[in-house]
Amino acid sequence: MPAEVSRASAVRRLVAEHLAGLRLAAGQREDAVLATDELFANAVRHASTGSHDTVTVTLEWSAGTLRVTVADPSPARPRPGVADPLAESGRGLAIVAALADDWGMAPPRPGAAGKSVWFTLRRRGGTAT
């Protein structure tokens, strides 16, 4: 996806469409869309360096666990901060941490640039709603 703020709604829509068929509770699907949106916004805001940059969003479903990975061109590690309660931004990673079962960062593969930030959600409860 182009690293542009205007693409955020398309990312949310695509992720929601892909999650619709998974055996996740509706609330967990909504959490996954929100957490993905936060990581995409962070990648665009903090990692994009040019008009041709892209952000890659990957969804993996295995053994009742969803893993979402957002890769960007910057090797800079994400830094969770202490958000100013009056600020309009600065809470993205805290939101991801609150919604996800786990999250973290993976450095670039050898010979590659950038990094990946990921989170996981384990299926809870019964079947999808």
N, C-alpha and C. Protein backbone atom coordinates (compact mmCIF):
# COMPACT_ATOMS: atom_id res chain seq x y z
N MET A 1 0.85 -1.16 0.00
CA MET A 1 0.00 0.00 0.00
C MET A 1 0.90 1.23 0.00
N PRO A 2 0.60 2.23 -0.80
CA PRO A 2 1.38 3.47 -0.73
C PRO A 2 1.36 4.03 0.69
N ALA A 3 2.48 4.55 1.13
CA ALA A 3 2.60 5.10 2.49
C ALA A 3 1.99 6.50 2.51
N GLU A 4 0.68 6.54 2.44
CA GLU A 4 -0.07 7.80 2.42
C GLU A 4 -1.21 7.74 3.43
N VAL A 5 -1.39 8.81 4.16
CA VAL A 5 -2.47 8.88 5.15
C VAL A 5 -3.82 8.58 4.50
N SER A 6 -4.01 9.00 3.27
CA SER A 6 -5.29 8.81 2.59
C SER A 6 -5.62 7.34 2.34
N ARG A 7 -4.66 6.45 2.51
CA ARG A 7 -4.88 5.02 2.27
C ARG A 7 -5.36 4.27 3.51
N ALA A 8 -5.43 4.96 4.64
CA ALA A 8 -5.81 4.29 5.89
C ALA A 8 -7.19 3.65 5.82
N SER A 9 -8.16 4.32 5.23
CA SER A 9 -9.51 3.74 5.16
C SER A 9 -9.51 2.49 4.28
N ALA A 10 -8.72 2.47 3.22
CA ALA A 10 -8.62 1.28 2.38
C ALA A 10 -7.99 0.13 3.14
N VAL A 11 -6.98 0.42 3.96
CA VAL A 11 -6.35 -0.62 4.78
C VAL A 11 -7.37 -1.19 5.75
N ARG A 12 -8.10 -0.34 6.43
CA ARG A 12 -9.12 -0.82 7.39
C ARG A 12 -10.15 -1.69 6.68
N ARG A 13 -10.62 -1.25 5.53
CA ARG A 13 -11.64 -1.99 4.79
C ARG A 13 -11.10 -3.37 4.33
N LEU A 14 -9.89 -3.39 3.79
CA LEU A 14 -9.31 -4.65 3.33
C LEU A 14 -9.08 -5.63 4.48
N VAL A 15 -8.58 -5.12 5.59
CA VAL A 15 -8.35 -5.99 6.74
C VAL A 15 -9.69 -6.54 7.24
N ALA A 16 -10.69 -5.69 7.37
CA ALA A 16 -12.01 -6.14 7.83
C ALA A 16 -12.57 -7.21 6.89
N GLU A 17 -12.42 -7.04 5.59
CA GLU A 17 -12.91 -8.03 4.62
C GLU A 17 -12.19 -9.36 4.80
N HIS A 18 -10.88 -9.33 4.99
CA HIS A 18 -10.12 -10.57 5.15
C HIS A 18 -10.44 -11.27 6.47
N LEU A 19 -10.74 -10.50 7.49
CA LEU A 19 -11.03 -11.09 8.80
C LEU A 19 -12.45 -11.63 8.90
N ALA A 20 -13.33 -11.20 8.01
CA ALA A 20 -14.73 -11.59 8.09
C ALA A 20 -14.92 -13.10 8.07
N GLY A 21 -14.08 -13.82 7.37
CA GLY A 21 -14.24 -15.26 7.27
C GLY A 21 -13.52 -16.05 8.35
N LEU A 22 -12.80 -15.37 9.23
CA LEU A 22 -12.06 -16.08 10.28
C LEU A 22 -12.95 -16.35 11.48
N ARG A 23 -12.58 -17.34 12.25
CA ARG A 23 -13.35 -17.70 13.44
C ARG A 23 -12.90 -16.87 14.63
N LEU A 24 -13.08 -15.59 14.49
CA LEU A 24 -12.82 -14.64 15.57
C LEU A 24 -14.14 -14.01 15.98
N ALA A 25 -14.26 -13.68 17.23
CA ALA A 25 -15.45 -12.95 17.68
C ALA A 25 -15.44 -11.57 17.02
N ALA A 26 -16.61 -11.00 16.82
CA ALA A 26 -16.71 -9.70 16.17
C ALA A 26 -15.85 -8.66 16.87
N GLY A 27 -15.83 -8.66 18.19
CA GLY A 27 -15.02 -7.70 18.93
C GLY A 27 -13.54 -7.85 18.65
N GLN A 28 -13.10 -9.08 18.49
CA GLN A 28 -11.69 -9.30 18.17
C GLN A 28 -11.37 -8.84 16.76
N ARG A 29 -12.29 -9.02 15.84
CA ARG A 29 -12.07 -8.50 14.47
C ARG A 29 -11.94 -6.98 14.52
N GLU A 30 -12.80 -6.34 15.30
CA GLU A 30 -12.73 -4.88 15.42
C GLU A 30 -11.41 -4.45 16.07
N ASP A 31 -10.96 -5.19 17.09
CA ASP A 31 -9.67 -4.89 17.72
C ASP A 31 -8.53 -5.03 16.72
N ALA A 32 -8.59 -6.08 15.88
CA ALA A 32 -7.53 -6.29 14.88
C ALA A 32 -7.51 -5.17 13.86
N VAL A 33 -8.67 -4.72 13.43
CA VAL A 33 -8.73 -3.60 12.46
C VAL A 33 -8.16 -2.34 13.10
N LEU A 34 -8.53 -2.05 14.33
CA LEU A 34 -8.04 -0.85 15.01
C LEU A 34 -6.53 -0.92 15.22
N ALA A 35 -6.03 -2.05 15.70
CA ALA A 35 -4.59 -2.19 15.93
C ALA A 35 -3.81 -2.07 14.62
N THR A 36 -4.33 -2.67 13.55
CA THR A 36 -3.68 -2.56 12.24
C THR A 36 -3.67 -1.11 11.78
N ASP A 37 -4.78 -0.42 11.97
CA ASP A 37 -4.87 0.99 11.60
C ASP A 37 -3.82 1.82 12.34
N GLU A 38 -3.64 1.54 13.62
CA GLU A 38 -2.64 2.27 14.40
C GLU A 38 -1.23 2.01 13.87
N LEU A 39 -0.91 0.74 13.55
CA LEU A 39 0.42 0.44 13.03
C LEU A 39 0.64 1.04 11.65
N PHE A 40 -0.39 1.03 10.81
CA PHE A 40 -0.28 1.65 9.49
C PHE A 40 -0.05 3.16 9.64
N ALA A 41 -0.81 3.79 10.51
CA ALA A 41 -0.64 5.24 10.73
C ALA A 41 0.76 5.55 11.24
N ASN A 42 1.27 4.75 12.16
CA ASN A 42 2.63 4.96 12.66
C ASN A 42 3.66 4.82 11.54
N ALA A 43 3.48 3.81 10.70
CA ALA A 43 4.43 3.59 9.60
C ALA A 43 4.42 4.77 8.64
N VAL A 44 3.25 5.29 8.33
CA VAL A 44 3.15 6.44 7.42
C VAL A 44 3.75 7.68 8.08
N ARG A 45 3.40 7.91 9.32
CA ARG A 45 3.83 9.13 10.00
C ARG A 45 5.32 9.12 10.35
N HIS A 46 5.83 8.00 10.82
CA HIS A 46 7.18 7.98 11.37
C HIS A 46 8.22 7.29 10.49
N ALA A 47 7.80 6.52 9.50
CA ALA A 47 8.77 5.73 8.74
C ALA A 47 8.85 6.10 7.27
N SER A 48 7.87 6.78 6.76
CA SER A 48 7.87 7.13 5.35
C SER A 48 8.85 8.27 5.08
N THR A 49 9.66 8.08 4.06
CA THR A 49 10.65 9.11 3.73
C THR A 49 10.44 9.70 2.35
N GLY A 50 9.57 9.11 1.56
CA GLY A 50 9.38 9.62 0.21
C GLY A 50 8.03 9.24 -0.37
N SER A 51 7.71 9.85 -1.49
CA SER A 51 6.41 9.64 -2.11
C SER A 51 6.25 8.25 -2.70
N HIS A 52 7.34 7.51 -2.87
CA HIS A 52 7.25 6.17 -3.46
C HIS A 52 7.35 5.07 -2.41
N ASP A 53 7.37 5.42 -1.14
CA ASP A 53 7.45 4.42 -0.08
C ASP A 53 6.15 3.61 -0.02
N THR A 54 6.28 2.39 0.42
CA THR A 54 5.11 1.54 0.62
C THR A 54 5.13 0.96 2.02
N VAL A 55 3.96 0.56 2.46
CA VAL A 55 3.78 -0.14 3.73
C VAL A 55 3.08 -1.45 3.38
N THR A 56 3.61 -2.55 3.88
CA THR A 56 3.05 -3.87 3.60
C THR A 56 2.33 -4.38 4.84
N VAL A 57 1.09 -4.80 4.66
CA VAL A 57 0.30 -5.37 5.74
C VAL A 57 0.07 -6.84 5.41
N THR A 58 0.46 -7.71 6.35
CA THR A 58 0.31 -9.15 6.15
C THR A 58 -0.53 -9.72 7.29
N LEU A 59 -1.51 -10.53 6.93
CA LEU A 59 -2.35 -11.21 7.92
C LEU A 59 -2.09 -12.71 7.80
N GLU A 60 -1.85 -13.35 8.95
CA GLU A 60 -1.63 -14.79 8.98
C GLU A 60 -2.56 -15.39 10.04
N TRP A 61 -3.21 -16.49 9.69
CA TRP A 61 -4.11 -17.18 10.61
C TRP A 61 -3.62 -18.60 10.75
N SER A 62 -3.31 -19.01 11.97
CA SER A 62 -2.81 -20.36 12.20
C SER A 62 -3.18 -20.81 13.61
N ALA A 63 -3.77 -21.98 13.69
CA ALA A 63 -4.09 -22.60 14.98
C ALA A 63 -4.82 -21.65 15.93
N GLY A 64 -5.79 -20.90 15.39
CA GLY A 64 -6.58 -20.01 16.24
C GLY A 64 -5.90 -18.73 16.64
N THR A 65 -4.79 -18.40 15.98
CA THR A 65 -4.08 -17.16 16.29
C THR A 65 -3.94 -16.32 15.03
N LEU A 66 -4.30 -15.06 15.14
CA LEU A 66 -4.11 -14.10 14.06
C LEU A 66 -2.83 -13.33 14.33
N ARG A 67 -1.98 -13.24 13.32
CA ARG A 67 -0.78 -12.41 13.41
C ARG A 67 -0.85 -11.39 12.28
N VAL A 68 -0.77 -10.12 12.64
CA VAL A 68 -0.77 -9.04 11.67
C VAL A 68 0.61 -8.39 11.73
N THR A 69 1.23 -8.23 10.56
CA THR A 69 2.54 -7.62 10.45
C THR A 69 2.45 -6.42 9.53
N VAL A 70 3.01 -5.31 9.96
CA VAL A 70 3.06 -4.09 9.16
C VAL A 70 4.54 -3.76 8.95
N ALA A 71 4.97 -3.79 7.70
CA ALA A 71 6.37 -3.54 7.36
C ALA A 71 6.50 -2.20 6.66
N ASP A 72 7.56 -1.47 7.03
CA ASP A 72 7.80 -0.16 6.44
C ASP A 72 9.27 -0.02 6.07
N PRO A 73 9.63 1.04 5.36
CA PRO A 73 11.01 1.17 4.86
C PRO A 73 12.03 1.68 5.86
N SER A 74 11.62 2.04 7.06
CA SER A 74 12.55 2.63 8.02
C SER A 74 13.09 1.59 8.99
N PRO A 75 14.40 1.60 9.25
CA PRO A 75 14.95 0.69 10.24
C PRO A 75 14.77 1.20 11.68
N ALA A 76 14.26 2.41 11.85
CA ALA A 76 14.10 2.99 13.18
C ALA A 76 13.08 2.17 13.99
N ARG A 77 13.49 1.81 15.20
CA ARG A 77 12.63 1.02 16.07
C ARG A 77 11.48 1.89 16.60
N PRO A 78 10.29 1.29 16.72
CA PRO A 78 9.19 2.05 17.33
C PRO A 78 9.49 2.27 18.80
N ARG A 79 9.12 3.43 19.29
CA ARG A 79 9.38 3.77 20.69
C ARG A 79 8.07 4.13 21.37
N PRO A 80 7.54 3.20 22.15
CA PRO A 80 6.33 3.55 22.89
C PRO A 80 6.62 4.73 23.81
N GLY A 81 5.78 5.70 23.77
CA GLY A 81 6.00 6.88 24.59
C GLY A 81 4.91 7.03 25.63
N VAL A 82 5.10 7.98 26.46
CA VAL A 82 4.08 8.35 27.42
C VAL A 82 3.29 9.47 26.77
N ALA A 83 2.06 9.16 26.45
CA ALA A 83 1.24 10.12 25.72
C ALA A 83 0.75 11.23 26.63
N ASP A 84 0.78 12.43 26.10
CA ASP A 84 0.18 13.58 26.77
C ASP A 84 -1.34 13.39 26.68
N PRO A 85 -2.05 13.38 27.79
CA PRO A 85 -3.50 13.14 27.74
C PRO A 85 -4.25 14.17 26.92
N LEU A 86 -3.66 15.32 26.68
CA LEU A 86 -4.32 16.36 25.89
C LEU A 86 -3.88 16.34 24.42
N ALA A 87 -2.87 15.52 24.10
CA ALA A 87 -2.37 15.46 22.73
C ALA A 87 -3.32 14.68 21.84
N GLU A 88 -3.29 15.00 20.55
CA GLU A 88 -4.13 14.31 19.58
C GLU A 88 -3.48 13.05 19.05
N SER A 89 -2.21 12.81 19.36
CA SER A 89 -1.54 11.61 18.88
C SER A 89 -0.58 11.11 19.96
N GLY A 90 0.10 10.00 19.66
CA GLY A 90 1.08 9.47 20.58
C GLY A 90 0.63 8.26 21.37
N ARG A 91 -0.54 7.73 21.04
CA ARG A 91 -1.07 6.59 21.79
C ARG A 91 -1.11 5.30 20.99
N GLY A 92 -0.63 5.31 19.76
CA GLY A 92 -0.77 4.17 18.86
C GLY A 92 -0.26 2.86 19.41
N LEU A 93 0.99 2.84 19.87
CA LEU A 93 1.55 1.58 20.38
C LEU A 93 0.90 1.16 21.69
N ALA A 94 0.47 2.12 22.49
CA ALA A 94 -0.25 1.78 23.72
C ALA A 94 -1.59 1.13 23.39
N ILE A 95 -2.24 1.60 22.35
CA ILE A 95 -3.51 1.00 21.91
C ILE A 95 -3.26 -0.42 21.43
N VAL A 96 -2.23 -0.60 20.61
CA VAL A 96 -1.90 -1.94 20.11
C VAL A 96 -1.62 -2.87 21.29
N ALA A 97 -0.83 -2.42 22.23
CA ALA A 97 -0.49 -3.25 23.40
C ALA A 97 -1.73 -3.61 24.20
N ALA A 98 -2.67 -2.69 24.31
CA ALA A 98 -3.89 -2.96 25.07
C ALA A 98 -4.82 -3.94 24.36
N LEU A 99 -4.84 -3.91 23.04
CA LEU A 99 -5.75 -4.76 22.27
C LEU A 99 -5.20 -6.15 21.98
N ALA A 100 -3.90 -6.25 21.81
CA ALA A 100 -3.28 -7.49 21.35
C ALA A 100 -2.87 -8.40 22.52
N ASP A 101 -2.75 -9.67 22.20
CA ASP A 101 -2.21 -10.62 23.18
C ASP A 101 -0.70 -10.47 23.28
N ASP A 102 -0.07 -10.07 22.18
CA ASP A 102 1.36 -9.87 22.15
C ASP A 102 1.67 -8.95 20.97
N TRP A 103 2.79 -8.27 21.05
CA TRP A 103 3.23 -7.44 19.92
C TRP A 103 4.73 -7.24 20.03
N GLY A 104 5.33 -6.83 18.92
CA GLY A 104 6.76 -6.60 18.94
C GLY A 104 7.26 -6.08 17.61
N MET A 105 8.57 -6.06 17.49
CA MET A 105 9.22 -5.53 16.29
C MET A 105 10.23 -6.54 15.80
N ALA A 106 10.32 -6.69 14.50
CA ALA A 106 11.33 -7.56 13.90
C ALA A 106 12.23 -6.69 13.02
N PRO A 107 13.53 -6.81 13.19
CA PRO A 107 14.44 -6.03 12.35
C PRO A 107 14.38 -6.52 10.90
N PRO A 108 14.97 -5.78 10.00
CA PRO A 108 14.93 -6.20 8.59
C PRO A 108 15.68 -7.51 8.39
N ARG A 109 15.25 -8.25 7.39
CA ARG A 109 15.98 -9.45 7.01
C ARG A 109 17.32 -9.04 6.41
N PRO A 110 18.29 -9.93 6.45
CA PRO A 110 19.60 -9.59 5.86
C PRO A 110 19.45 -9.12 4.41
N GLY A 111 20.07 -8.00 4.12
CA GLY A 111 20.00 -7.42 2.78
C GLY A 111 18.77 -6.59 2.49
N ALA A 112 17.85 -6.54 3.44
CA ALA A 112 16.62 -5.78 3.25
C ALA A 112 16.66 -4.52 4.11
N ALA A 113 15.82 -3.58 3.76
CA ALA A 113 15.71 -2.34 4.54
C ALA A 113 14.41 -2.39 5.34
N GLY A 114 14.30 -1.52 6.28
CA GLY A 114 13.06 -1.38 7.02
C GLY A 114 12.93 -2.34 8.18
N LYS A 115 11.74 -2.40 8.71
CA LYS A 115 11.43 -3.25 9.85
C LYS A 115 9.97 -3.66 9.76
N SER A 116 9.59 -4.58 10.63
CA SER A 116 8.21 -5.02 10.73
C SER A 116 7.76 -4.88 12.17
N VAL A 117 6.56 -4.40 12.35
CA VAL A 117 5.93 -4.35 13.67
C VAL A 117 4.72 -5.28 13.57
N TRP A 118 4.54 -6.13 14.57
CA TRP A 118 3.50 -7.15 14.50
C TRP A 118 2.71 -7.21 15.81
N PHE A 119 1.54 -7.83 15.71
CA PHE A 119 0.76 -8.15 16.91
C PHE A 119 0.03 -9.46 16.67
N THR A 120 -0.34 -10.12 17.76
CA THR A 120 -1.13 -11.34 17.65
C THR A 120 -2.37 -11.23 18.50
N LEU A 121 -3.39 -11.92 18.05
CA LEU A 121 -4.65 -12.09 18.79
C LEU A 121 -5.00 -13.56 18.75
N ARG A 122 -5.20 -14.16 19.90
CA ARG A 122 -5.65 -15.55 19.98
C ARG A 122 -7.17 -15.58 20.07
N ARG A 123 -7.74 -16.49 19.32
CA ARG A 123 -9.20 -16.62 19.32
C ARG A 123 -9.70 -16.90 20.73
N ARG A 124 -10.71 -16.19 21.14
CA ARG A 124 -11.32 -16.39 22.45
C ARG A 124 -12.77 -16.81 22.26
N GLY A 125 -13.28 -17.48 23.23
CA GLY A 125 -14.68 -17.84 23.20
C GLY A 125 -14.96 -18.91 22.16
N GLY A 126 -16.19 -18.98 21.73
CA GLY A 126 -16.61 -20.00 20.77
C GLY A 126 -16.25 -19.65 19.34
N THR A 127 -17.24 -19.62 18.51
CA THR A 127 -17.01 -19.36 17.09
C THR A 127 -17.28 -17.91 16.77
N ALA A 128 -17.11 -17.58 15.52
CA ALA A 128 -17.32 -16.20 15.07
C ALA A 128 -18.77 -15.80 15.28
N THR A 129 -18.97 -14.52 15.47
CA THR A 129 -20.32 -13.99 15.63
C THR A 129 -20.68 -13.13 14.45
